[in-house]
């Protein structure tokens, strides 16, 4: 990797790590979406935890933004473009995941209301007495 500019190799390494983190976040969001659709609660919890870890590391790297951190090398410009694309993809995946979670919550609320209302009309003890 050429390092003719001041700190360009370090900047490119920082950009690569940031890009890697966004790719991991996108993959985790995709896995979490599949978990929601399959009602796999433990996997949803694991993916949420992983997403929190990744976001924490990304927050620690806030200063590694395109336009400031990637100037000075052709690879830096390439990284900036890739980063912008993956950030848009993560935003799209996050919106979809949020919609899936809202839908799952509404479905759970419907089931809870149905169970609560059926509890008023169905008394197992009374049913047992009528079948004797």
Protein backbone atom coordinates (compact mmCIF):
# COMPACT_ATOMS: atom_id res chain seq x y z
CA UNK A 1 0.00 0.00 0.00
CA UNK A 2 1.53 3.34 -0.97
CA UNK A 3 2.11 5.74 1.86
CA UNK A 4 3.49 8.73 0.00
CA UNK A 5 0.98 11.11 1.63
CA UNK A 6 1.09 12.03 5.28
CA UNK A 7 -0.48 9.10 7.11
CA UNK A 8 -2.32 7.84 4.03
CA UNK A 9 -1.70 4.16 4.86
CA UNK A 10 -3.08 4.66 8.36
CA UNK A 11 -6.09 6.57 7.00
CA UNK A 12 -6.77 3.80 4.47
CA UNK A 13 -6.54 1.19 7.26
CA UNK A 14 -9.02 3.19 9.35
CA UNK A 15 -11.33 3.45 6.35
CA UNK A 16 -11.06 -0.28 5.69
CA UNK A 17 -12.01 -1.03 9.31
CA UNK A 18 -14.97 1.35 9.16
CA UNK A 19 -16.12 -0.28 5.92
CA UNK A 20 -15.71 -3.73 7.48
CA UNK A 21 -17.85 -2.67 10.46
CA UNK A 22 -20.64 -1.43 8.21
CA UNK A 23 -20.54 -4.69 6.26
CA UNK A 24 -20.82 -6.63 9.53
CA UNK A 25 -23.73 -4.43 10.58
CA UNK A 26 -25.52 -5.06 7.27
CA UNK A 27 -25.02 -8.83 7.64
CA UNK A 28 -26.29 -8.74 11.23
CA UNK A 29 -29.38 -6.78 10.19
CA UNK A 30 -30.10 -9.34 7.47
CA UNK A 31 -29.76 -12.21 9.96
CA UNK A 32 -31.98 -10.37 12.45
CA UNK A 33 -34.66 -9.90 9.78
CA UNK A 34 -34.65 -13.62 9.04
CA UNK A 35 -34.89 -14.30 12.79
CA UNK A 36 -37.95 -12.03 13.11
CA UNK A 37 -39.68 -13.74 10.20
CA UNK A 38 -38.92 -17.17 11.72
CA UNK A 39 -39.85 -16.05 15.27
CA UNK A 40 -36.41 -17.00 16.59
CA UNK A 41 -36.23 -14.79 19.65
CA UNK A 42 -32.81 -15.91 20.91
CA UNK A 43 -31.23 -15.19 17.55
CA UNK A 44 -32.92 -11.77 17.46
CA UNK A 45 -31.44 -11.00 20.87
CA UNK A 46 -27.95 -12.14 19.79
CA UNK A 47 -28.09 -10.05 16.62
CA UNK A 48 -29.34 -7.00 18.51
CA UNK A 49 -26.44 -7.36 20.94
CA UNK A 50 -23.97 -7.67 18.05
CA UNK A 51 -25.48 -4.60 16.37
CA UNK A 52 -25.02 -2.63 19.60
CA UNK A 53 -21.34 -3.67 19.73
CA UNK A 54 -20.76 -2.66 16.12
CA UNK A 55 -22.54 0.67 16.60
CA UNK A 56 -20.40 1.34 19.68
CA UNK A 57 -17.24 0.81 17.68
CA UNK A 58 -18.58 2.96 14.84
CA UNK A 59 -19.37 5.75 17.31
CA UNK A 60 -15.77 5.56 18.50
CA UNK A 61 -14.67 6.06 14.87
CA UNK A 62 -16.94 9.02 14.04
CA UNK A 63 -14.03 11.12 12.83
CA UNK A 64 -13.22 8.64 10.02
CA UNK A 65 -15.67 10.27 7.61
CA UNK A 66 -15.33 10.41 3.83
CA UNK A 67 -14.18 13.79 2.68
CA UNK A 68 -11.88 14.22 5.66
CA UNK A 69 -10.35 10.86 6.52
CA UNK A 70 -10.06 9.45 3.01
CA UNK A 71 -8.34 12.28 1.19
CA UNK A 72 -4.93 11.87 -0.32
CA UNK A 73 -5.06 8.49 -2.07
CA UNK A 74 -6.96 6.81 -4.86
CA UNK A 75 -7.82 3.95 -2.49
CA UNK A 76 -9.15 6.55 -0.08
CA UNK A 77 -11.55 7.84 -2.73
CA UNK A 78 -12.61 4.28 -3.51
CA UNK A 79 -13.18 3.59 0.20
CA UNK A 80 -15.27 6.73 0.53
CA UNK A 81 -17.51 5.61 -2.33
CA UNK A 82 -17.87 2.08 -0.95
CA UNK A 83 -18.61 3.47 2.49
CA UNK A 84 -21.35 5.74 1.16
CA UNK A 85 -22.98 2.78 -0.62
CA UNK A 86 -22.86 0.48 2.41
CA UNK A 87 -24.17 3.24 4.69
CA UNK A 88 -27.19 3.61 2.40
CA UNK A 89 -27.65 -0.17 2.41
CA UNK A 90 -27.50 -0.28 6.22
CA UNK A 91 -30.07 2.53 6.44
CA UNK A 92 -32.37 0.59 4.07
CA UNK A 93 -31.92 -2.65 6.03
CA UNK A 94 -32.56 -0.81 9.28
CA UNK A 95 -35.83 0.66 7.96
CA UNK A 96 -36.95 -2.79 6.80
CA UNK A 97 -35.98 -4.37 10.13
CA UNK A 98 -37.91 -1.68 12.02
CA UNK A 99 -40.98 -2.36 9.86
CA UNK A 100 -40.70 -6.11 10.52
CA UNK A 101 -40.45 -5.49 14.26
CA UNK A 102 -43.51 -3.20 14.19
CA UNK A 103 -45.45 -5.87 12.31
CA UNK A 104 -44.35 -8.58 14.74
CA UNK A 105 -45.40 -6.40 17.67
CA UNK A 106 -48.82 -5.76 16.14
CA UNK A 107 -49.27 -9.49 15.55
CA UNK A 108 -48.33 -10.26 19.16
CA UNK A 109 -50.75 -7.59 20.40
CA UNK A 110 -53.55 -9.12 18.33
CA UNK A 111 -52.86 -12.56 19.82
CA UNK A 112 -52.77 -11.10 23.33
CA UNK A 113 -56.11 -9.37 22.82
CA UNK A 114 -57.62 -12.54 21.37
CA UNK A 115 -56.38 -14.58 24.32
CA UNK A 116 -57.60 -12.00 26.82
CA UNK A 117 -61.07 -11.92 25.29
CA UNK A 118 -61.29 -15.71 24.99
CA UNK A 119 -60.39 -16.06 28.65
CA UNK A 120 -63.66 -14.34 29.47
CA UNK A 121 -65.70 -16.76 27.38
CA UNK A 122 -63.84 -19.99 28.04
CA UNK A 123 -63.61 -21.37 31.53
CA UNK A 124 -61.77 -24.72 31.57
CA UNK A 125 -63.32 -25.69 34.95
CA UNK A 126 -66.84 -25.10 33.66
CA UNK A 127 -66.10 -27.01 30.44
CA UNK A 128 -64.81 -29.95 32.48
CA UNK A 129 -68.04 -30.03 34.49
CA UNK A 130 -70.26 -30.04 31.41
CA UNK A 131 -68.39 -33.00 29.88
CA UNK A 132 -68.96 -35.28 32.89
